[in-house]
Amino acid sequence: MTEPSYLRVARAAYDTVAADYADRLRHRLDDEPFERAMLAAYAEIVRASGVPGPVADVGCGPGRITAHLHALGLEDVFGVDLSPGMIEVARRDHPGLRFQEGTLAALDIADETLGGVVAWYSIIHTPPEGQPAALAEFHRVLAPGGHLLLAFQAGDEPFHATEVYGHQVALDFHRLSPDRAATMLAEAGLPVVAQLESARREFERTPQAYLIARKPPR
């Protein structure tokens, strides 16, 4: 099966920016109270659920969110990313954690084996026609009762970047309205149980949205 072109473009872009991306965002959570709050709430929900299985940080980049989740008490957490460059940086910066290559819609993970999935600004490079397949894949790998945390740029208009973190690249960002995301999650069998949208700040192009969804228990 031929790989979609958007995956090749995103992989090339993130291979190019991997080291600078990691350096610039290394301490980003220190200035992001909403993001810390959602990650902390998610970690607590997953621990309290009692659903067995590890948590996958899909689209993990250099592993900063994977490491933060581990620090929040999710001991069995690992990262997945389509970029070999990002995986290399993640393994270098977080040698005690596990990272593997993979794509959102074709995870090398067995059915119903995960206690949680985190997609932290990783679905934003999947075009609208491909988003339902990614959410269906999250449903497939989650154990019944498992939780998904989805973070994304809120909006309706796509954005094409030609420069990212000081590098000339071509990269498309596909924004989502929170209502549309919640509808797609419900259609994928992952009803939303919590939602937060933060207003756009002066250094951001869009508001930011965070949704927690749950795969119903049997």
Protein backbone atom coordinates (compact mmCIF):
# COMPACT_ATOMS: atom_id res chain seq x y z
CA MET A 1 0.00 0.00 0.00
CA THR A 2 1.37 3.40 -1.00
CA GLU A 3 2.07 5.71 1.91
CA PRO A 4 0.03 8.94 1.85
CA SER A 5 2.05 11.94 0.72
CA TYR A 6 1.22 13.95 3.86
CA LEU A 7 3.08 11.37 5.95
CA ARG A 8 6.20 11.66 3.81
CA VAL A 9 6.05 15.46 4.00
CA ALA A 10 5.55 15.51 7.77
CA ARG A 11 8.31 12.96 8.35
CA ALA A 12 10.79 14.97 6.27
CA ALA A 13 9.87 18.19 8.04
CA TYR A 14 10.21 16.80 11.53
CA ASP A 15 13.44 14.98 10.72
CA THR A 16 14.77 18.39 9.66
CA VAL A 17 13.68 20.31 12.76
CA ALA A 18 14.02 17.55 15.41
CA ALA A 19 16.98 18.91 17.36
CA ASP A 20 15.81 22.55 17.35
CA TYR A 21 12.24 21.52 18.16
CA ALA A 22 13.45 19.64 21.22
CA ASP A 23 15.61 22.53 22.40
CA ARG A 24 12.92 25.20 21.98
CA LEU A 25 10.09 23.24 23.60
CA ARG A 26 12.10 21.52 26.31
CA HIS A 27 10.67 23.72 29.09
CA ARG A 28 7.46 24.83 27.35
CA LEU A 29 5.18 23.18 29.91
CA ASP A 30 6.62 25.44 32.62
CA ASP A 31 4.64 28.31 31.07
CA GLU A 32 1.50 26.34 30.15
CA PRO A 33 -0.84 25.94 33.15
CA PHE A 34 -3.77 24.68 31.07
CA GLU A 35 -1.64 22.01 29.44
CA ARG A 36 -0.17 20.89 32.74
CA ALA A 37 -3.66 20.75 34.24
CA MET A 38 -5.04 18.60 31.44
CA LEU A 39 -2.08 16.24 31.54
CA ALA A 40 -2.33 15.93 35.32
CA ALA A 41 -6.09 15.31 35.17
CA TYR A 42 -5.61 12.73 32.44
CA ALA A 43 -2.89 10.89 34.36
CA GLU A 44 -5.08 10.79 37.46
CA ILE A 45 -8.08 9.52 35.49
CA VAL A 46 -6.01 6.75 33.88
CA ARG A 47 -4.54 5.66 37.21
CA ALA A 48 -7.96 5.65 38.87
CA SER A 49 -9.61 3.73 36.02
CA GLY A 50 -7.73 0.56 36.86
CA VAL A 51 -7.63 -0.38 33.16
CA PRO A 52 -4.55 -2.53 32.59
CA GLY A 53 -2.04 -1.79 29.88
CA PRO A 54 0.54 0.85 29.01
CA VAL A 55 -0.15 4.38 27.79
CA ALA A 56 1.03 5.35 24.29
CA ASP A 57 2.04 8.93 23.49
CA VAL A 58 1.38 8.86 19.75
CA GLY A 59 3.16 11.55 17.77
CA CYS A 60 5.52 11.93 20.72
CA GLY A 61 8.16 14.03 18.95
CA PRO A 62 11.26 14.34 21.18
CA GLY A 63 9.46 12.69 24.10
CA ARG A 64 8.83 15.68 26.36
CA ILE A 65 5.15 14.78 26.97
CA THR A 66 6.02 11.09 27.34
CA ALA A 67 8.51 12.00 30.06
CA HIS A 68 6.03 14.35 31.75
CA LEU A 69 3.38 11.63 31.85
CA HIS A 70 5.92 9.28 33.40
CA ALA A 71 6.71 11.89 36.04
CA LEU A 72 2.97 12.15 36.75
CA GLY A 73 2.88 8.49 37.74
CA LEU A 74 2.13 6.70 34.47
CA GLU A 75 5.08 4.38 34.83
CA ASP A 76 4.31 2.22 31.78
CA VAL A 77 4.25 4.91 29.12
CA PHE A 78 5.99 4.87 25.74
CA GLY A 79 6.22 7.11 22.69
CA VAL A 80 5.45 6.59 19.00
CA ASP A 81 6.43 8.95 16.20
CA LEU A 82 6.69 8.80 12.41
CA SER A 83 9.99 10.74 12.38
CA PRO A 84 13.21 8.74 12.89
CA GLY A 85 14.92 12.03 13.74
CA MET A 86 12.46 12.71 16.53
CA ILE A 87 12.77 9.16 17.85
CA GLU A 88 16.55 9.52 17.93
CA VAL A 89 16.28 12.72 19.98
CA ALA A 90 13.68 11.19 22.30
CA ARG A 91 15.88 8.17 23.02
CA ARG A 92 18.86 10.44 23.64
CA ASP A 93 16.99 12.78 26.00
CA HIS A 94 14.96 10.11 27.81
CA PRO A 95 17.03 6.92 27.83
CA GLY A 96 14.86 5.29 30.49
CA LEU A 97 11.75 5.36 28.32
CA ARG A 98 10.72 3.39 25.24
CA PHE A 99 10.17 4.96 21.82
CA GLN A 100 9.25 3.40 18.48
CA GLU A 101 8.43 4.51 14.96
CA GLY A 102 4.85 4.43 13.78
CA THR A 103 1.97 6.41 12.29
CA LEU A 104 -1.35 7.37 13.86
CA ALA A 105 -3.54 5.34 11.53
CA ALA A 106 -1.32 2.22 11.48
CA LEU A 107 0.04 1.61 14.97
CA ASP A 108 2.10 -1.51 15.56
CA ILE A 109 0.11 -2.26 18.70
CA ALA A 110 -2.21 -5.19 19.37
CA ASP A 111 -5.96 -4.75 19.73
CA GLU A 112 -7.30 -3.53 23.09
CA THR A 113 -3.95 -3.58 24.89
CA LEU A 114 -3.53 0.04 25.98
CA GLY A 115 -4.80 1.67 29.14
CA GLY A 116 -4.48 5.06 27.49
CA VAL A 117 -3.58 6.98 24.33
CA VAL A 118 -2.31 10.56 24.21
CA ALA A 119 -2.34 12.41 20.88
CA TRP A 120 -0.74 15.72 21.84
CA TYR A 121 -0.93 18.02 18.81
CA SER A 122 -0.17 15.04 16.59
CA ILE A 123 -3.44 14.77 14.64
CA ILE A 124 -2.94 18.31 13.31
CA HIS A 125 -0.92 17.09 10.32
CA THR A 126 -3.55 14.56 9.26
CA PRO A 127 -5.92 16.00 6.63
CA PRO A 128 -9.63 15.92 7.45
CA GLU A 129 -10.30 12.88 5.30
CA GLY A 130 -7.70 10.90 7.26
CA GLN A 131 -8.72 11.92 10.76
CA PRO A 132 -11.53 9.36 11.24
CA ALA A 133 -9.10 6.54 10.44
CA ALA A 134 -6.67 7.78 13.10
CA LEU A 135 -9.43 7.97 15.71
CA ALA A 136 -10.62 4.48 14.73
CA GLU A 137 -7.07 3.25 15.28
CA PHE A 138 -7.02 4.79 18.75
CA HIS A 139 -10.28 2.96 19.50
CA ARG A 140 -8.79 -0.30 18.24
CA VAL A 141 -5.73 -0.24 20.49
CA LEU A 142 -7.49 1.03 23.63
CA ALA A 143 -8.71 -1.53 26.13
CA PRO A 144 -12.36 -1.17 27.14
CA GLY A 145 -12.54 1.61 29.71
CA GLY A 146 -9.30 3.17 28.45
CA HIS A 147 -8.95 6.91 27.93
CA LEU A 148 -7.73 9.12 25.08
CA LEU A 149 -6.35 12.64 25.49
CA LEU A 150 -6.51 14.67 22.28
CA ALA A 151 -4.91 18.14 22.01
CA PHE A 152 -5.10 20.28 18.90
CA GLN A 153 -5.29 23.78 17.46
CA ALA A 154 -8.93 24.88 17.43
CA GLY A 155 -10.32 26.38 14.24
CA ASP A 156 -11.58 25.64 10.76
CA GLU A 157 -8.94 27.01 8.40
CA PRO A 158 -5.80 25.03 7.52
CA PHE A 159 -2.40 26.67 7.71
CA HIS A 160 0.61 26.03 5.47
CA ALA A 161 4.00 26.72 7.03
CA THR A 162 7.14 27.29 4.99
CA GLU A 163 9.42 27.86 7.98
CA VAL A 164 9.37 25.92 11.26
CA TYR A 165 11.84 26.47 14.11
CA GLY A 166 14.26 28.28 11.81
CA HIS A 167 14.18 25.68 9.01
CA GLN A 168 12.71 25.96 5.54
CA VAL A 169 10.10 23.20 5.31
CA ALA A 170 6.66 22.59 3.84
CA LEU A 171 4.16 21.55 6.49
CA ASP A 172 0.37 21.69 6.63
CA PHE A 173 -1.55 22.20 9.88
CA HIS A 174 -5.17 21.02 9.90
CA ARG A 175 -7.18 22.65 12.65
CA LEU A 176 -10.34 21.24 14.17
CA SER A 177 -13.34 22.72 15.89
CA PRO A 178 -13.85 21.11 19.32
CA ASP A 179 -17.45 20.26 18.40
CA ARG A 180 -16.33 18.53 15.20
CA ALA A 181 -13.65 16.63 17.10
CA ALA A 182 -16.18 15.51 19.71
CA THR A 183 -18.54 14.32 16.96
CA MET A 184 -15.79 12.33 15.24
CA LEU A 185 -14.71 10.81 18.55
CA ALA A 186 -18.29 9.74 19.29
CA GLU A 187 -18.57 8.23 15.82
CA ALA A 188 -15.34 6.31 16.51
CA GLY A 189 -16.81 4.90 19.71
CA LEU A 190 -14.92 7.29 22.00
CA PRO A 191 -17.41 9.64 23.69
CA VAL A 192 -15.92 12.78 25.24
CA VAL A 193 -15.94 12.97 29.03
CA ALA A 194 -14.08 16.28 29.48
CA GLN A 195 -13.26 19.27 27.29
CA LEU A 196 -11.26 22.47 27.67
CA GLU A 197 -10.64 25.28 25.19
CA SER A 198 -8.23 28.10 25.98
CA ALA A 199 -8.55 31.48 24.30
CA ARG A 200 -5.96 32.51 21.74
CA ARG A 201 -3.03 34.32 23.27
CA GLU A 202 -0.96 36.99 21.53
CA PHE A 203 1.81 34.57 20.55
CA GLU A 204 -0.57 31.91 19.17
CA ARG A 205 -2.43 31.75 15.88
CA THR A 206 -5.49 29.92 17.27
CA PRO A 207 -7.21 28.86 20.49
CA GLN A 208 -6.11 25.50 21.84
CA ALA A 209 -8.42 22.58 22.62
CA TYR A 210 -8.05 19.51 24.86
CA LEU A 211 -10.53 16.62 24.90
CA ILE A 212 -10.55 13.49 27.05
CA ALA A 213 -12.58 10.60 25.65
CA ARG A 214 -13.23 7.10 26.95
CA LYS A 215 -13.75 3.76 25.23
CA PRO A 216 -16.83 2.34 26.96
CA PRO A 217 -16.19 -0.68 29.17
CA ARG A 218 -17.81 -3.93 28.18
